[in-house]
């Protein structure tokens, strides 16, 4: 284990280490779980293009866009997995994201590539008690990361489950 790629620049979270090798996860060795196999089409068969499914399985960051209590946007890049018609995002329970989403659960999600945008809208369900094994295994496979472990010692973990209400852009800039 070593410090993450942005540690020298100051943007990698303190204490979070980058895994050179993937640890065994809940489903056995993380390398035995192919994230692409865990992705299923979303919504009413709107997102079935294989290239888009591959992007959801392999891209590492999505921009999560929520709303602050004063109505201003709160935008942050996060790690995610996409399973069973939902985006799953692991966050600390004391984060600004969680505080904002308790007040207003509506969000937009956008993958980073502006040339081939993938943008969705949905509503967040905060999952504080049960972390589905399939989801924790997908995070372990994709990021070599245990999504259940808090970043801060005085905090817990929350899974954000975002069910897609509608896809705004599916790989075509307008």
Foldseek 3Di string as FASTA:
>chain_A
DAFDPCVVVPPGDPPDHADPAFPAAPVGTLQVDQQLVQADDADPNPADPPVLSVCLSAQFWKWKWFAAPVGDIDIDIFGWHHHDQKIKTKDWCPDSVNVRCVVPQKIKIWGDDPQFIKIFIFGKDKAQDDDDRSRQSSCSNRRSDRSQDHPDPVTGMIMIITRTPDIDGGGHHD
